[in-house]
Amino acid sequence: MATFTIIIPFYQRDDGILRRALASAFSQSFQDFDIIVVDDQSPYAAASELAPLSDEQRARITVVRQVNAGPGGARNTGLDHVPAETRYVAFLDSDDFWTVDHLKNALTAMDALGGDCYWASIEGGEEFGYHFGIAALEKINGARRLMEAPVVLDVPDIAGVMLDDWAFLHMSCMVIGRPLIATIRFDAALRLAAEDVLFFCDCMMAAKQVLLCADAGALRGEGVNIFHGVDNASPEYLKQQFITWMALDRLESRFASRPREVAIIREHKNKARKQALWGQVGQIKRRQRPEFGLLARWLVQDPRLIQSALQLMAGKIVK
């Protein structure tokens, strides 16, 4: 069986996006891989993207079709279909594409250094400016350079570092080995709000060795994302903030014995509450009905939402 299985969740509306991702896989300098494409009830069928490929390329691709479950659910399906003999799983979002040596660099580092969790850096356009390269992590106290070609770092307590700013991580630059392939899964209920961050954290905490490669592994593309361009005037805004809060609440449980990390996560949770409530105030000002049903669901899980609402009201009265 292949050294790598590549998992690509697919939900797009435009022609050519998946084909570009697959082209970057078939252009890799290391070619011992197979591919699982999970068609997550995509409006544009995956079969149309595979049609121009050669027979040899199509033979290396397994398409799994399922009822829409979001990117986390699609990746879980991919993980459930990974052959038992596969050594490593590499994730690739359908709208991103790899640099030519991504798999080669991952294999070199993981085999030489005993890594079972690996990230490379990602590059993108101006709208992607909040991301930063892994090379910046070398400034962290205790960080060590383990390899020169490619440049690979070990950063102590990388899960704790991630909580301060996880903008150096991206799904399309991630590779995992066994037993993470068999044991770690995405929380599919989160659907497009930090399900990847929770998965990153779980893998970091379970890994024997996390390796961070300064070389670019992927280039960011643009495709369908239901929350792309959402602002506090959008109808999806409250849902986005609620799911973000849920993800942070799950993340807090991972760090229950670490006060510094719990404080950071609670600060993020409080920010999500306040942003959600300000969004609802904006709806009232626009003479739109607040989303009482979703607010009630949030309140059942998070009674502190009332405290945030009272603080917001008190601030308005003082003004």
C-alpha atoms as a PDB file:
ATOM      1  CA  MET A   1       0.000   0.000   0.000  1.00  0.00           C
ATOM      2  CA  ALA A   2       0.989   3.656  -0.378  1.00  0.00           C
ATOM      3  CA  THR A   3       3.124   5.552   2.128  1.00  0.00           C
ATOM      4  CA  PHE A   4       0.622   8.440   2.194  1.00  0.00           C
ATOM      5  CA  THR A   5      -3.134   8.612   1.915  1.00  0.00           C
ATOM      6  CA  ILE A   6      -4.284  12.095   0.923  1.00  0.00           C
ATOM      7  CA  ILE A   7      -7.708  13.113   2.256  1.00  0.00           C
ATOM      8  CA  ILE A   8      -9.584  15.831   0.354  1.00  0.00           C
ATOM      9  CA  PRO A   9     -13.061  16.920   1.568  1.00  0.00           C
ATOM     10  CA  PHE A  10     -14.992  18.231  -1.422  1.00  0.00           C
ATOM     11  CA  TYR A  11     -17.846  20.736  -1.441  1.00  0.00           C
ATOM     12  CA  GLN A  12     -17.602  23.319  -4.239  1.00  0.00           C
ATOM     13  CA  ARG A  13     -19.753  25.098  -6.789  1.00  0.00           C
ATOM     14  CA  ASP A  14     -17.140  25.952  -9.403  1.00  0.00           C
ATOM     15  CA  ASP A  15     -15.380  23.991 -12.108  1.00  0.00           C
ATOM     16  CA  GLY A  16     -11.656  23.299 -11.821  1.00  0.00           C
ATOM     17  CA  ILE A  17     -11.034  23.851  -8.093  1.00  0.00           C
ATOM     18  CA  LEU A  18     -10.601  20.192  -7.136  1.00  0.00           C
ATOM     19  CA  ARG A  19      -8.757  19.528 -10.381  1.00  0.00           C
ATOM     20  CA  ARG A  20      -6.149  22.137  -9.378  1.00  0.00           C
ATOM     21  CA  ALA A  21      -5.680  20.497  -5.961  1.00  0.00           C
ATOM     22  CA  LEU A  22      -5.299  17.071  -7.562  1.00  0.00           C
ATOM     23  CA  ALA A  23      -2.797  18.451 -10.074  1.00  0.00           C
ATOM     24  CA  SER A  24      -0.645  19.655  -7.182  1.00  0.00           C
ATOM     25  CA  ALA A  25      -0.750  16.163  -5.689  1.00  0.00           C
ATOM     26  CA  PHE A  26       0.203  14.459  -8.942  1.00  0.00           C
ATOM     27  CA  SER A  27       3.043  16.977  -9.344  1.00  0.00           C
ATOM     28  CA  GLN A  28       4.662  16.001  -6.045  1.00  0.00           C
ATOM     29  CA  SER A  29       8.331  15.022  -6.086  1.00  0.00           C
ATOM     30  CA  PHE A  30       7.332  12.049  -3.881  1.00  0.00           C
ATOM     31  CA  GLN A  31       4.687   9.945  -5.614  1.00  0.00           C
ATOM     32  CA  ASP A  32       3.924   6.997  -3.315  1.00  0.00           C
ATOM     33  CA  PHE A  33       0.381   7.938  -2.329  1.00  0.00           C
ATOM     34  CA  ASP A  34      -3.275   7.236  -2.888  1.00  0.00           C
ATOM     35  CA  ILE A  35      -6.124   9.742  -2.590  1.00  0.00           C
ATOM     36  CA  ILE A  36      -9.516   9.699  -0.894  1.00  0.00           C
ATOM     37  CA  VAL A  37     -11.924  12.400  -2.101  1.00  0.00           C
ATOM     38  CA  VAL A  38     -14.976  12.709   0.139  1.00  0.00           C
ATOM     39  CA  ASP A  39     -17.815  14.203  -1.911  1.00  0.00           C
ATOM     40  CA  ASP A  40     -19.770  15.950   0.855  1.00  0.00           C
ATOM     41  CA  GLN A  41     -22.926  16.269  -1.253  1.00  0.00           C
ATOM     42  CA  SER A  42     -21.137  18.890  -3.328  1.00  0.00           C
ATOM     43  CA  PRO A  43     -23.285  21.060  -5.655  1.00  0.00           C
ATOM     44  CA  TYR A  44     -20.597  20.479  -8.290  1.00  0.00           C
ATOM     45  CA  ALA A  45     -19.959  16.747  -8.608  1.00  0.00           C
ATOM     46  CA  ALA A  46     -16.489  15.378  -7.918  1.00  0.00           C
ATOM     47  CA  ALA A  47     -16.840  13.030 -10.898  1.00  0.00           C
ATOM     48  CA  SER A  48     -16.756  16.025 -13.264  1.00  0.00           C
ATOM     49  CA  GLU A  49     -13.397  17.071 -11.794  1.00  0.00           C
ATOM     50  CA  LEU A  50     -11.883  13.616 -12.279  1.00  0.00           C
ATOM     51  CA  ALA A  51     -12.999  13.187 -15.882  1.00  0.00           C
ATOM     52  CA  PRO A  52      -9.938  14.872 -17.516  1.00  0.00           C
ATOM     53  CA  LEU A  53      -7.456  12.784 -15.491  1.00  0.00           C
ATOM     54  CA  SER A  54      -5.577   9.848 -16.952  1.00  0.00           C
ATOM     55  CA  ASP A  55      -6.702   6.283 -16.235  1.00  0.00           C
ATOM     56  CA  GLU A  56      -3.607   5.793 -14.074  1.00  0.00           C
ATOM     57  CA  GLN A  57      -4.392   8.870 -11.991  1.00  0.00           C
ATOM     58  CA  ARG A  58      -8.054   7.967 -11.547  1.00  0.00           C
ATOM     59  CA  ALA A  59      -7.050   4.491 -10.390  1.00  0.00           C
ATOM     60  CA  ARG A  60      -5.247   6.079  -7.429  1.00  0.00           C
ATOM     61  CA  ILE A  61      -8.362   7.997  -6.322  1.00  0.00           C
ATOM     62  CA  THR A  62     -11.243   6.658  -4.245  1.00  0.00           C
ATOM     63  CA  VAL A  63     -14.357   8.845  -4.196  1.00  0.00           C
ATOM     64  CA  VAL A  64     -16.601   8.420  -1.143  1.00  0.00           C
ATOM     65  CA  ARG A  65     -20.009  10.100  -1.405  1.00  0.00           C
ATOM     66  CA  GLN A  66     -22.002  11.062   1.659  1.00  0.00           C
ATOM     67  CA  VAL A  67     -24.838  13.259   2.918  1.00  0.00           C
ATOM     68  CA  ASN A  68     -23.453  16.696   3.721  1.00  0.00           C
ATOM     69  CA  ALA A  69     -21.657  16.639   7.076  1.00  0.00           C
ATOM     70  CA  GLY A  70     -19.350  19.636   6.804  1.00  0.00           C
ATOM     71  CA  PRO A  71     -15.550  19.581   6.440  1.00  0.00           C
ATOM     72  CA  GLY A  72     -14.904  17.889   9.774  1.00  0.00           C
ATOM     73  CA  GLY A  73     -17.420  15.151   9.064  1.00  0.00           C
ATOM     74  CA  ALA A  74     -15.990  14.678   5.575  1.00  0.00           C
ATOM     75  CA  ARG A  75     -12.447  14.358   6.919  1.00  0.00           C
ATOM     76  CA  ASN A  76     -13.679  11.841   9.509  1.00  0.00           C
ATOM     77  CA  THR A  77     -15.139   9.757   6.682  1.00  0.00           C
ATOM     78  CA  GLY A  78     -11.806   9.956   4.895  1.00  0.00           C
ATOM     79  CA  LEU A  79      -9.945   8.826   8.037  1.00  0.00           C
ATOM     80  CA  ASP A  80     -12.370   5.921   8.436  1.00  0.00           C
ATOM     81  CA  HIS A  81     -11.469   4.753   4.902  1.00  0.00           C
ATOM     82  CA  VAL A  82      -7.679   4.946   5.228  1.00  0.00           C
ATOM     83  CA  PRO A  83      -6.096   1.544   4.463  1.00  0.00           C
ATOM     84  CA  ALA A  84      -4.574  -0.162   7.498  1.00  0.00           C
ATOM     85  CA  GLU A  85      -1.156  -0.261   5.837  1.00  0.00           C
ATOM     86  CA  THR A  86      -0.977   3.514   5.221  1.00  0.00           C
ATOM     87  CA  ARG A  87       1.831   5.109   7.238  1.00  0.00           C
ATOM     88  CA  TYR A  88       0.828   8.774   6.984  1.00  0.00           C
ATOM     89  CA  VAL A  89      -2.266  10.833   6.191  1.00  0.00           C
ATOM     90  CA  ALA A  90      -1.853  14.214   4.494  1.00  0.00           C
ATOM     91  CA  PHE A  91      -4.809  16.607   4.462  1.00  0.00           C
ATOM     92  CA  LEU A  92      -5.529  18.897   1.520  1.00  0.00           C
ATOM     93  CA  ASP A  93      -8.507  21.237   1.266  1.00  0.00           C
ATOM     94  CA  SER A  94     -10.006  21.126  -2.197  1.00  0.00           C
ATOM     95  CA  ASP A  95      -9.435  24.835  -2.829  1.00  0.00           C
ATOM     96  CA  ASP A  96      -5.757  24.808  -1.767  1.00  0.00           C
ATOM     97  CA  PHE A  97      -2.774  23.329  -3.580  1.00  0.00           C
ATOM     98  CA  TRP A  98       0.607  21.974  -2.517  1.00  0.00           C
ATOM     99  CA  THR A  99       4.152  23.052  -3.240  1.00  0.00           C
ATOM    100  CA  VAL A 100       6.062  20.376  -5.134  1.00  0.00           C
ATOM    101  CA  ASP A 101       8.127  19.017  -2.193  1.00  0.00           C
ATOM    102  CA  HIS A 102       5.443  18.984   0.503  1.00  0.00           C
ATOM    103  CA  LEU A 103       5.148  15.201   0.832  1.00  0.00           C
ATOM    104  CA  LYS A 104       8.878  14.688   0.364  1.00  0.00           C
ATOM    105  CA  ASN A 105       9.667  17.147   3.174  1.00  0.00           C
ATOM    106  CA  ALA A 106       7.081  15.587   5.467  1.00  0.00           C
ATOM    107  CA  LEU A 107       8.428  12.082   4.881  1.00  0.00           C
ATOM    108  CA  THR A 108      12.059  13.167   5.336  1.00  0.00           C
ATOM    109  CA  ALA A 109      11.334  14.891   8.643  1.00  0.00           C
ATOM    110  CA  MET A 110       8.919  12.340  10.102  1.00  0.00           C
ATOM    111  CA  ASP A 111      11.054   9.324   9.245  1.00  0.00           C
ATOM    112  CA  ALA A 112      14.298  10.894  10.471  1.00  0.00           C
ATOM    113  CA  LEU A 113      12.926  12.459  13.657  1.00  0.00           C
ATOM    114  CA  GLY A 114      10.206  10.029  14.685  1.00  0.00           C
ATOM    115  CA  GLY A 115       7.417  12.551  14.204  1.00  0.00           C
ATOM    116  CA  ASP A 116       3.771  11.554  14.097  1.00  0.00           C
ATOM    117  CA  CYS A 117       2.310  15.066  13.742  1.00  0.00           C
ATOM    118  CA  TYR A 118       3.703  17.559  11.202  1.00  0.00           C
ATOM    119  CA  TRP A 119       2.883  20.969   9.791  1.00  0.00           C
ATOM    120  CA  ALA A 120       4.520  22.973   7.045  1.00  0.00           C
ATOM    121  CA  SER A 121       3.959  26.694   6.520  1.00  0.00           C
ATOM    122  CA  ILE A 122       1.284  28.031   4.189  1.00  0.00           C
ATOM    123  CA  GLU A 123       1.379  31.035   1.883  1.00  0.00           C
ATOM    124  CA  GLY A 124      -1.455  33.087   0.426  1.00  0.00           C
ATOM    125  CA  GLY A 125      -2.620  36.464  -0.809  1.00  0.00           C
ATOM    126  CA  GLU A 126      -3.337  39.725   1.012  1.00  0.00           C
ATOM    127  CA  GLU A 127      -6.623  38.449   2.493  1.00  0.00           C
ATOM    128  CA  PHE A 128      -4.581  35.727   4.153  1.00  0.00           C
ATOM    129  CA  GLY A 129      -2.269  38.176   5.895  1.00  0.00           C
ATOM    130  CA  TYR A 130      -3.249  37.046   9.395  1.00  0.00           C
ATOM    131  CA  HIS A 131      -1.325  33.791   8.851  1.00  0.00           C
ATOM    132  CA  PHE A 132       2.386  33.737   9.586  1.00  0.00           C
ATOM    133  CA  GLY A 133       5.151  31.290   8.744  1.00  0.00           C
ATOM    134  CA  ILE A 134       6.439  28.625  11.097  1.00  0.00           C
ATOM    135  CA  ALA A 135       9.931  30.160  10.931  1.00  0.00           C
ATOM    136  CA  ALA A 136       8.673  32.866  13.337  1.00  0.00           C
ATOM    137  CA  LEU A 137       8.273  30.202  16.059  1.00  0.00           C
ATOM    138  CA  GLU A 138      12.052  29.806  16.266  1.00  0.00           C
ATOM    139  CA  LYS A 139      12.062  32.957  18.425  1.00  0.00           C
ATOM    140  CA  ILE A 140      10.083  31.183  21.163  1.00  0.00           C
ATOM    141  CA  ASN A 141      12.120  30.339  24.251  1.00  0.00           C
ATOM    142  CA  GLY A 142      13.213  26.699  24.078  1.00  0.00           C
ATOM    143  CA  ALA A 143      12.526  26.225  20.369  1.00  0.00           C
ATOM    144  CA  ARG A 144      15.091  23.977  18.679  1.00  0.00           C
ATOM    145  CA  ARG A 145      16.078  23.489  15.064  1.00  0.00           C
ATOM    146  CA  LEU A 146      16.096  19.722  14.495  1.00  0.00           C
ATOM    147  CA  MET A 147      16.850  19.671  10.773  1.00  0.00           C
ATOM    148  CA  GLU A 148      18.345  22.058   8.225  1.00  0.00           C
ATOM    149  CA  ALA A 149      17.025  20.709   4.920  1.00  0.00           C
ATOM    150  CA  PRO A 150      14.149  21.262   5.217  1.00  0.00           C
ATOM    151  CA  VAL A 151      14.261  23.520   8.275  1.00  0.00           C
ATOM    152  CA  VAL A 152      12.306  21.662  10.967  1.00  0.00           C
ATOM    153  CA  LEU A 153      11.603  22.964  14.467  1.00  0.00           C
ATOM    154  CA  ASP A 154      10.605  21.483  17.781  1.00  0.00           C
ATOM    155  CA  VAL A 155       8.685  23.966  19.967  1.00  0.00           C
ATOM    156  CA  PRO A 156       8.055  23.077  23.633  1.00  0.00           C
ATOM    157  CA  ASP A 157       4.406  22.973  24.730  1.00  0.00           C
ATOM    158  CA  ILE A 158       3.223  23.666  21.209  1.00  0.00           C
ATOM    159  CA  ALA A 159      -0.429  23.202  22.264  1.00  0.00           C
ATOM    160  CA  GLY A 160      -0.080  26.066  24.739  1.00  0.00           C
ATOM    161  CA  VAL A 161       1.653  28.209  22.107  1.00  0.00           C
ATOM    162  CA  MET A 162      -1.245  27.532  19.743  1.00  0.00           C
ATOM    163  CA  LEU A 163      -3.731  29.112  22.159  1.00  0.00           C
ATOM    164  CA  ASP A 164      -1.942  32.468  22.012  1.00  0.00           C
ATOM    165  CA  ASP A 165      -2.124  32.559  18.206  1.00  0.00           C
ATOM    166  CA  TRP A 166      -2.875  29.585  15.963  1.00  0.00           C
ATOM    167  CA  ALA A 167      -2.396  31.520  12.712  1.00  0.00           C
ATOM    168  CA  PHE A 168       0.711  29.476  11.820  1.00  0.00           C
ATOM    169  CA  LEU A 169      -1.401  26.314  11.430  1.00  0.00           C
ATOM    170  CA  HIS A 170      -3.402  25.235   8.411  1.00  0.00           C
ATOM    171  CA  MET A 171      -5.214  22.019   7.540  1.00  0.00           C
ATOM    172  CA  SER A 172      -3.657  21.708   4.087  1.00  0.00           C
ATOM    173  CA  CYS A 173      -0.168  21.651   5.614  1.00  0.00           C
ATOM    174  CA  MET A 174      -0.876  18.911   8.174  1.00  0.00           C
ATOM    175  CA  VAL A 175       0.354  15.301   8.100  1.00  0.00           C
ATOM    176  CA  ILE A 176      -0.302  12.707  10.819  1.00  0.00           C
ATOM    177  CA  GLY A 177       0.973   9.188  11.429  1.00  0.00           C
ATOM    178  CA  ARG A 178      -0.255   6.224  13.384  1.00  0.00           C
ATOM    179  CA  PRO A 179      -1.785   5.889  15.939  1.00  0.00           C
ATOM    180  CA  LEU A 180      -3.296   9.380  15.433  1.00  0.00           C
ATOM    181  CA  ILE A 181      -4.903   8.161  12.198  1.00  0.00           C
ATOM    182  CA  ALA A 182      -6.756   5.509  14.153  1.00  0.00           C
ATOM    183  CA  THR A 183      -7.697   7.453  17.284  1.00  0.00           C
ATOM    184  CA  ILE A 184      -8.218  11.193  16.664  1.00  0.00           C
ATOM    185  CA  ARG A 185     -11.315  12.568  14.946  1.00  0.00           C
ATOM    186  CA  PHE A 186     -12.916  15.938  14.216  1.00  0.00           C
ATOM    187  CA  ASP A 187     -15.894  17.246  16.173  1.00  0.00           C
ATOM    188  CA  ALA A 188     -18.202  17.352  13.158  1.00  0.00           C
ATOM    189  CA  ALA A 189     -20.909  19.245  15.059  1.00  0.00           C
ATOM    190  CA  LEU A 190     -18.823  22.433  14.939  1.00  0.00           C
ATOM    191  CA  ARG A 191     -19.067  22.762  11.146  1.00  0.00           C
ATOM    192  CA  LEU A 192     -16.751  25.481   9.868  1.00  0.00           C
ATOM    193  CA  ALA A 193     -15.886  27.178  13.140  1.00  0.00           C
ATOM    194  CA  ALA A 194     -12.690  25.955  14.808  1.00  0.00           C
ATOM    195  CA  GLU A 195     -13.253  22.245  14.265  1.00  0.00           C
ATOM    196  CA  ASP A 196      -9.760  22.249  12.807  1.00  0.00           C
ATOM    197  CA  VAL A 197      -8.235  23.989  15.854  1.00  0.00           C
ATOM    198  CA  LEU A 198      -9.756  21.396  18.188  1.00  0.00           C
ATOM    199  CA  PHE A 199      -8.359  18.613  15.995  1.00  0.00           C
ATOM    200  CA  PHE A 200      -4.939  20.306  15.958  1.00  0.00           C
ATOM    201  CA  CYS A 201      -4.972  20.453  19.755  1.00  0.00           C
ATOM    202  CA  ASP A 202      -5.998  16.814  20.168  1.00  0.00           C
ATOM    203  CA  CYS A 203      -3.280  15.668  17.781  1.00  0.00           C
ATOM    204  CA  MET A 204      -0.632  17.789  19.504  1.00  0.00           C
ATOM    205  CA  MET A 205      -1.540  16.388  22.906  1.00  0.00           C
ATOM    206  CA  ALA A 206      -1.558  12.783  21.700  1.00  0.00           C
ATOM    207  CA  ALA A 207       1.538  12.958  19.488  1.00  0.00           C
ATOM    208  CA  LYS A 208       4.919  11.546  20.459  1.00  0.00           C
ATOM    209  CA  GLN A 209       6.665  14.285  18.458  1.00  0.00           C
ATOM    210  CA  VAL A 210       5.249  17.370  16.736  1.00  0.00           C
ATOM    211  CA  LEU A 211       7.418  18.660  13.887  1.00  0.00           C
ATOM    212  CA  LEU A 212       7.097  22.133  12.375  1.00  0.00           C
ATOM    213  CA  CYS A 213       8.573  22.826   8.937  1.00  0.00           C
ATOM    214  CA  ALA A 214       9.463  26.381   7.955  1.00  0.00           C
ATOM    215  CA  ASP A 215       9.218  25.590   4.226  1.00  0.00           C
ATOM    216  CA  ALA A 216       5.929  26.352   2.506  1.00  0.00           C
ATOM    217  CA  GLY A 217       3.861  23.207   2.094  1.00  0.00           C
ATOM    218  CA  ALA A 218       0.754  24.707   0.513  1.00  0.00           C
ATOM    219  CA  LEU A 219      -0.629  27.764  -1.201  1.00  0.00           C
ATOM    220  CA  ARG A 220      -4.045  28.985  -0.182  1.00  0.00           C
ATOM    221  CA  GLY A 221      -6.802  29.105  -2.760  1.00  0.00           C
ATOM    222  CA  GLU A 222     -10.342  30.450  -2.672  1.00  0.00           C
ATOM    223  CA  GLY A 223     -13.435  28.295  -2.698  1.00  0.00           C
ATOM    224  CA  VAL A 224     -16.810  27.859  -1.025  1.00  0.00           C
ATOM    225  CA  ASN A 225     -16.993  28.630   2.683  1.00  0.00           C
ATOM    226  CA  ILE A 226     -20.417  29.392   4.130  1.00  0.00           C
ATOM    227  CA  PHE A 227     -18.894  31.854   6.596  1.00  0.00           C
ATOM    228  CA  HIS A 228     -16.599  33.607   4.088  1.00  0.00           C
ATOM    229  CA  GLY A 229     -17.231  37.339   4.247  1.00  0.00           C
ATOM    230  CA  VAL A 230     -19.642  37.049   7.205  1.00  0.00           C
ATOM    231  CA  ASP A 231     -19.805  40.222   9.304  1.00  0.00           C
ATOM    232  CA  ASN A 232     -21.988  41.317  12.219  1.00  0.00           C
ATOM    233  CA  ALA A 233     -24.738  42.395   9.803  1.00  0.00           C
ATOM    234  CA  SER A 234     -24.961  38.926   8.224  1.00  0.00           C
ATOM    235  CA  PRO A 235     -27.768  36.507   9.140  1.00  0.00           C
ATOM    236  CA  GLU A 236     -25.174  33.787   9.800  1.00  0.00           C
ATOM    237  CA  TYR A 237     -23.214  35.893  12.302  1.00  0.00           C
ATOM    238  CA  LEU A 238     -24.917  34.673  15.492  1.00  0.00           C
ATOM    239  CA  LYS A 239     -24.542  31.053  14.376  1.00  0.00           C
ATOM    240  CA  GLN A 240     -20.869  31.614  13.648  1.00  0.00           C
ATOM    241  CA  GLN A 241     -20.230  33.066  17.103  1.00  0.00           C
ATOM    242  CA  PHE A 242     -22.227  30.323  18.832  1.00  0.00           C
ATOM    243  CA  ILE A 243     -20.256  27.585  17.097  1.00  0.00           C
ATOM    244  CA  THR A 244     -17.027  29.420  17.912  1.00  0.00           C
ATOM    245  CA  TRP A 245     -18.059  29.508  21.584  1.00  0.00           C
ATOM    246  CA  MET A 246     -18.859  25.770  21.507  1.00  0.00           C
ATOM    247  CA  ALA A 247     -15.450  25.002  20.042  1.00  0.00           C
ATOM    248  CA  LEU A 248     -13.741  27.110  22.709  1.00  0.00           C
ATOM    249  CA  ASP A 249     -15.780  25.397  25.437  1.00  0.00           C
ATOM    250  CA  ARG A 250     -14.564  21.999  24.242  1.00  0.00           C
ATOM    251  CA  LEU A 251     -11.035  23.366  24.019  1.00  0.00           C
ATOM    252  CA  GLU A 252     -11.210  24.588  27.613  1.00  0.00           C
ATOM    253  CA  SER A 253     -11.852  21.037  28.811  1.00  0.00           C
ATOM    254  CA  ARG A 254      -8.547  19.949  27.242  1.00  0.00           C
ATOM    255  CA  PHE A 255      -6.661  22.447  29.431  1.00  0.00           C
ATOM    256  CA  ALA A 256      -8.707  22.137  32.633  1.00  0.00           C
ATOM    257  CA  SER A 257      -5.607  21.688  34.814  1.00  0.00           C
ATOM    258  CA  ARG A 258      -3.691  24.637  33.295  1.00  0.00           C
ATOM    259  CA  PRO A 259      -4.878  28.014  34.675  1.00  0.00           C
ATOM    260  CA  ARG A 260      -3.019  30.221  32.187  1.00  0.00           C
ATOM    261  CA  GLU A 261      -4.505  28.436  29.203  1.00  0.00           C
ATOM    262  CA  VAL A 262      -7.993  28.363  30.748  1.00  0.00           C
ATOM    263  CA  ALA A 263      -7.816  32.138  31.257  1.00  0.00           C
ATOM    264  CA  ILE A 264      -6.868  32.674  27.587  1.00  0.00           C
ATOM    265  CA  ILE A 265      -9.708  30.476  26.365  1.00  0.00           C
ATOM    266  CA  ARG A 266     -12.262  32.167  28.641  1.00  0.00           C
ATOM    267  CA  GLU A 267     -11.198  35.528  27.250  1.00  0.00           C
ATOM    268  CA  HIS A 268     -11.901  34.213  23.735  1.00  0.00           C
ATOM    269  CA  LYS A 269     -15.277  32.836  24.890  1.00  0.00           C
ATOM    270  CA  ASN A 270     -16.262  36.166  26.405  1.00  0.00           C
ATOM    271  CA  LYS A 271     -15.318  37.924  23.177  1.00  0.00           C
ATOM    272  CA  ALA A 272     -17.571  35.534  21.209  1.00  0.00           C
ATOM    273  CA  ARG A 273     -20.492  36.309  23.573  1.00  0.00           C
ATOM    274  CA  LYS A 274     -20.053  40.071  23.262  1.00  0.00           C
ATOM    275  CA  GLN A 275     -19.683  39.981  19.485  1.00  0.00           C
ATOM    276  CA  ALA A 276     -22.817  37.850  19.185  1.00  0.00           C
ATOM    277  CA  LEU A 277     -24.864  40.207  21.354  1.00  0.00           C
ATOM    278  CA  TRP A 278     -23.638  43.320  19.537  1.00  0.00           C
ATOM    279  CA  GLY A 279     -24.697  41.625  16.329  1.00  0.00           C
ATOM    280  CA  GLN A 280     -28.203  41.193  17.720  1.00  0.00           C
ATOM    281  CA  VAL A 281     -28.298  44.841  18.814  1.00  0.00           C
ATOM    282  CA  GLY A 282     -27.421  45.727  15.251  1.00  0.00           C
ATOM    283  CA  GLN A 283     -30.342  43.647  13.988  1.00  0.00           C
ATOM    284  CA  ILE A 284     -32.718  45.516  16.308  1.00  0.00           C
ATOM    285  CA  LYS A 285     -31.388  48.842  15.026  1.00  0.00           C
ATOM    286  CA  ARG A 286     -32.070  47.625  11.486  1.00  0.00           C
ATOM    287  CA  ARG A 287     -35.601  46.729  12.640  1.00  0.00           C
ATOM    288  CA  GLN A 288     -34.973  43.017  12.284  1.00  0.00           C
ATOM    289  CA  ARG A 289     -36.214  40.456  14.780  1.00  0.00           C
ATOM    290  CA  PRO A 290     -33.493  39.012  17.077  1.00  0.00           C
ATOM    291  CA  GLU A 291     -32.789  35.294  16.719  1.00  0.00           C
ATOM    292  CA  PHE A 292     -34.428  34.258  19.981  1.00  0.00           C
ATOM    293  CA  GLY A 293     -34.373  30.532  19.208  1.00  0.00           C
ATOM    294  CA  LEU A 294     -30.605  30.360  18.728  1.00  0.00           C
ATOM    295  CA  LEU A 295     -30.013  32.683  21.687  1.00  0.00           C
ATOM    296  CA  ALA A 296     -32.085  30.326  23.856  1.00  0.00           C
ATOM    297  CA  ARG A 297     -30.013  27.335  22.712  1.00  0.00           C
ATOM    298  CA  TRP A 298     -26.840  29.221  23.567  1.00  0.00           C
ATOM    299  CA  LEU A 299     -28.212  30.248  26.988  1.00  0.00           C
ATOM    300  CA  VAL A 300     -29.020  26.648  27.905  1.00  0.00           C
ATOM    301  CA  GLN A 301     -25.373  25.711  27.367  1.00  0.00           C
ATOM    302  CA  ASP A 302     -23.880  28.963  28.646  1.00  0.00           C
ATOM    303  CA  PRO A 303     -25.731  30.834  31.446  1.00  0.00           C
ATOM    304  CA  ARG A 304     -22.968  33.472  31.405  1.00  0.00           C
ATOM    305  CA  LEU A 305     -24.561  34.824  28.249  1.00  0.00           C
ATOM    306  CA  ILE A 306     -27.017  36.657  30.550  1.00  0.00           C
ATOM    307  CA  GLN A 307     -24.129  38.297  32.414  1.00  0.00           C
ATOM    308  CA  SER A 308     -22.660  39.489  29.110  1.00  0.00           C
ATOM    309  CA  ALA A 309     -26.056  40.879  28.092  1.00  0.00           C
ATOM    310  CA  LEU A 310     -26.411  42.742  31.396  1.00  0.00           C
ATOM    311  CA  GLN A 311     -22.917  44.183  31.029  1.00  0.00           C
ATOM    312  CA  LEU A 312     -23.771  45.348  27.531  1.00  0.00           C
ATOM    313  CA  MET A 313     -27.003  46.978  28.780  1.00  0.00           C
ATOM    314  CA  ALA A 314     -25.185  48.636  31.688  1.00  0.00           C
ATOM    315  CA  GLY A 315     -22.634  50.072  29.297  1.00  0.00           C
ATOM    316  CA  LYS A 316     -25.391  51.509  27.132  1.00  0.00           C
ATOM    317  CA  ILE A 317     -27.097  53.099  30.178  1.00  0.00           C
ATOM    318  CA  VAL A 318     -23.857  54.673  31.378  1.00  0.00           C
ATOM    319  CA  LYS A 319     -23.288  56.167  27.936  1.00  0.00           C
END
